[in-house]
């Protein structure tokens, strides 16, 4: 029996190219009921500095029947999705997400709106290294029924110089599905 050893040549012969993290697109399909600025919504794909592919895990509980206990999965669980957006001088992206959150919970009454009125889908696409357009995807997920749960703080500082401001936004969603 021969033992195969790891070598760079073996790796190169099995993998043609590694995925690069800077090739992605984020499309936020805004809820139409809210009346958000669609101009800002269409620009979010260009101002999204970073996005994370979401996590899926399995919730389980021990079953102790004859012998050692086993962890038996009973449900898929999903964590939040974090994104970061560059801000323009008018802070339109911040206003966009603030308005979306203000719609979710009525500020005057404190009452939440109907789920279907404020949730929407978010598509996160990893684009191939040699792609010429957004359509050439190697991996795509859709966050179903998403909404901005946390619109993070924007740090203003004199020592920041000419650094571009960023807005962290955390989305909650019902579940994610893989499209490709």
Protein backbone atom coordinates (compact mmCIF):
# COMPACT_ATOMS: atom_id res chain seq x y z
CA UNK A 1 0.00 0.00 0.00
CA UNK A 2 1.52 3.32 -1.04
CA UNK A 3 1.25 6.37 1.17
CA UNK A 4 0.37 9.57 -0.64
CA UNK A 5 2.05 12.58 0.83
CA UNK A 6 0.76 16.09 0.62
CA UNK A 7 2.55 18.26 -1.88
CA UNK A 8 1.81 21.60 -3.61
CA UNK A 9 1.68 19.78 -6.95
CA UNK A 10 -1.03 17.44 -5.65
CA UNK A 11 -3.01 20.42 -4.37
CA UNK A 12 -2.66 22.29 -7.70
CA UNK A 13 -3.80 19.27 -9.67
CA UNK A 14 -6.95 18.95 -7.57
CA UNK A 15 -7.94 22.62 -7.17
CA UNK A 16 -7.76 24.94 -10.16
CA UNK A 17 -8.28 28.21 -8.28
CA UNK A 18 -9.15 29.31 -4.76
CA UNK A 19 -12.18 31.52 -4.05
CA UNK A 20 -11.39 35.16 -3.31
CA UNK A 21 -13.36 36.95 -0.60
CA UNK A 22 -13.54 40.28 -2.42
CA UNK A 23 -15.76 39.00 -5.24
CA UNK A 24 -19.33 39.29 -4.00
CA UNK A 25 -22.59 41.12 -4.49
CA UNK A 26 -25.34 41.93 -1.99
CA UNK A 27 -28.87 42.67 -3.19
CA UNK A 28 -31.37 43.91 -0.62
CA UNK A 29 -34.91 43.67 -1.96
CA UNK A 30 -36.66 46.35 0.06
CA UNK A 31 -40.24 45.96 1.23
CA UNK A 32 -42.49 48.04 -1.02
CA UNK A 33 -44.96 48.92 1.75
CA UNK A 34 -42.44 51.01 3.67
CA UNK A 35 -41.73 53.57 0.94
CA UNK A 36 -37.94 53.59 1.42
CA UNK A 37 -35.64 55.52 -0.92
CA UNK A 38 -35.21 53.09 -3.84
CA UNK A 39 -32.24 55.12 -5.10
CA UNK A 40 -30.32 54.28 -1.94
CA UNK A 41 -31.53 50.66 -2.09
CA UNK A 42 -30.09 50.21 -5.58
CA UNK A 43 -26.72 51.64 -4.47
CA UNK A 44 -26.31 49.32 -1.47
CA UNK A 45 -24.71 46.63 -3.65
CA UNK A 46 -21.89 49.06 -4.40
CA UNK A 47 -21.48 50.48 -0.90
CA UNK A 48 -21.53 47.15 0.94
CA UNK A 49 -17.99 46.97 2.33
CA UNK A 50 -18.36 43.49 3.81
CA UNK A 51 -20.90 40.73 4.15
CA UNK A 52 -20.73 37.33 5.79
CA UNK A 53 -22.24 34.17 4.45
CA UNK A 54 -24.70 33.09 7.15
CA UNK A 55 -24.30 30.24 9.60
CA UNK A 56 -26.58 27.24 9.95
CA UNK A 57 -26.34 24.90 12.90
CA UNK A 58 -28.37 22.02 14.24
CA UNK A 59 -30.02 22.20 17.62
CA UNK A 60 -29.92 18.86 19.38
CA UNK A 61 -30.77 17.23 22.65
CA UNK A 62 -29.45 14.10 24.29
CA UNK A 63 -31.38 10.87 23.93
CA UNK A 64 -30.49 8.41 26.67
CA UNK A 65 -32.01 5.10 25.64
CA UNK A 66 -29.87 1.99 26.19
CA UNK A 67 -26.22 2.86 26.37
CA UNK A 68 -24.39 6.17 26.12
CA UNK A 69 -26.51 9.21 25.29
CA UNK A 70 -26.56 10.49 21.72
CA UNK A 71 -27.15 14.06 20.58
CA UNK A 72 -30.11 13.89 18.22
CA UNK A 73 -30.72 16.96 16.00
CA UNK A 74 -34.28 18.27 15.96
CA UNK A 75 -34.10 21.67 14.21
CA UNK A 76 -31.89 23.86 12.05
CA UNK A 77 -31.04 27.21 13.62
CA UNK A 78 -29.73 30.35 11.94
CA UNK A 79 -27.61 33.15 13.34
CA UNK A 80 -27.75 36.81 12.37
CA UNK A 81 -26.05 38.17 9.26
CA UNK A 82 -23.59 41.05 9.68
CA UNK A 83 -22.85 43.58 6.94
CA UNK A 84 -20.98 46.86 6.78
CA UNK A 85 -21.75 49.76 4.42
CA UNK A 86 -19.70 52.79 3.38
CA UNK A 87 -21.50 56.06 4.12
CA UNK A 88 -21.81 58.99 1.72
CA UNK A 89 -21.59 62.60 2.86
CA UNK A 90 -25.40 62.94 3.11
CA UNK A 91 -25.59 59.79 5.29
CA UNK A 92 -28.37 58.44 3.05
CA UNK A 93 -27.55 54.81 3.86
CA UNK A 94 -27.86 55.48 7.59
CA UNK A 95 -31.15 57.27 7.02
CA UNK A 96 -32.36 54.34 4.88
CA UNK A 97 -31.78 51.74 7.61
CA UNK A 98 -33.03 54.07 10.39
CA UNK A 99 -36.27 54.62 8.44
CA UNK A 100 -36.68 50.88 7.92
CA UNK A 101 -36.34 50.27 11.66
CA UNK A 102 -38.68 53.16 12.53
CA UNK A 103 -41.31 51.57 10.29
CA UNK A 104 -41.01 48.20 12.06
CA UNK A 105 -41.92 49.64 15.47
CA UNK A 106 -44.26 52.63 15.42
CA UNK A 107 -42.47 55.30 17.44
CA UNK A 108 -45.68 56.90 18.68
CA UNK A 109 -47.51 53.80 19.87
CA UNK A 110 -44.65 51.33 20.33
CA UNK A 111 -46.65 48.76 18.35
CA UNK A 112 -44.91 46.52 15.84
CA UNK A 113 -46.10 46.31 12.24
CA UNK A 114 -47.13 43.11 10.47
CA UNK A 115 -44.19 40.80 9.73
CA UNK A 116 -44.90 40.61 6.00
CA UNK A 117 -44.90 44.41 5.72
CA UNK A 118 -41.32 44.96 6.87
CA UNK A 119 -39.39 41.80 5.98
CA UNK A 120 -37.75 41.11 2.65
CA UNK A 121 -35.20 38.87 1.00
CA UNK A 122 -31.48 39.56 0.79
CA UNK A 123 -29.35 37.83 -1.86
CA UNK A 124 -25.66 37.34 -1.15
CA UNK A 125 -23.72 36.15 -4.18
CA UNK A 126 -20.10 35.01 -4.34
CA UNK A 127 -18.88 35.84 -7.84
CA UNK A 128 -16.34 33.72 -9.73
CA UNK A 129 -12.76 35.01 -9.84
CA UNK A 130 -12.78 35.46 -13.62
CA UNK A 131 -16.35 36.82 -13.84
CA UNK A 132 -17.25 39.68 -16.14
CA UNK A 133 -20.61 40.44 -14.47
CA UNK A 134 -22.64 39.93 -11.29
CA UNK A 135 -24.53 37.11 -13.05
CA UNK A 136 -21.52 34.76 -13.03
CA UNK A 137 -22.07 33.37 -9.55
CA UNK A 138 -20.29 30.46 -7.95
CA UNK A 139 -22.44 30.47 -4.80
CA UNK A 140 -25.62 32.31 -3.83
CA UNK A 141 -27.78 32.35 -0.74
CA UNK A 142 -31.03 34.12 -0.01
CA UNK A 143 -31.82 35.32 3.49
CA UNK A 144 -35.57 34.90 3.63
CA UNK A 145 -37.79 37.34 5.51
CA UNK A 146 -34.92 39.55 6.69
CA UNK A 147 -34.96 42.90 8.47
CA UNK A 148 -32.31 45.17 10.04
CA UNK A 149 -32.28 44.21 13.73
CA UNK A 150 -29.27 46.34 14.68
CA UNK A 151 -28.16 49.52 12.95
CA UNK A 152 -24.77 49.97 14.59
CA UNK A 153 -22.97 53.03 15.79
CA UNK A 154 -20.87 55.26 13.58
CA UNK A 155 -17.77 56.49 15.36
CA UNK A 156 -17.00 60.17 14.77
CA UNK A 157 -13.49 61.12 15.84
CA UNK A 158 -11.04 63.91 15.20
CA UNK A 159 -8.20 61.42 14.95
CA UNK A 160 -9.97 59.57 12.10
CA UNK A 161 -8.58 61.94 9.47
CA UNK A 162 -10.02 61.28 6.03
CA UNK A 163 -11.19 57.76 6.79
CA UNK A 164 -14.50 56.82 5.16
CA UNK A 165 -17.27 56.21 7.68
CA UNK A 166 -18.81 52.75 7.86
CA UNK A 167 -22.20 51.61 9.12
CA UNK A 168 -22.48 48.10 10.60
CA UNK A 169 -25.93 46.55 10.14
CA UNK A 170 -27.02 43.21 11.57
CA UNK A 171 -29.96 41.43 9.93
CA UNK A 172 -32.23 38.84 11.47
CA UNK A 173 -34.03 36.46 9.13
CA UNK A 174 -36.27 33.41 9.15
CA UNK A 175 -33.87 31.10 7.32
CA UNK A 176 -31.43 31.04 4.43
CA UNK A 177 -31.44 28.86 1.38
CA UNK A 178 -28.73 28.12 -1.17
CA UNK A 179 -29.74 29.05 -4.71
CA UNK A 180 -26.89 27.42 -6.67
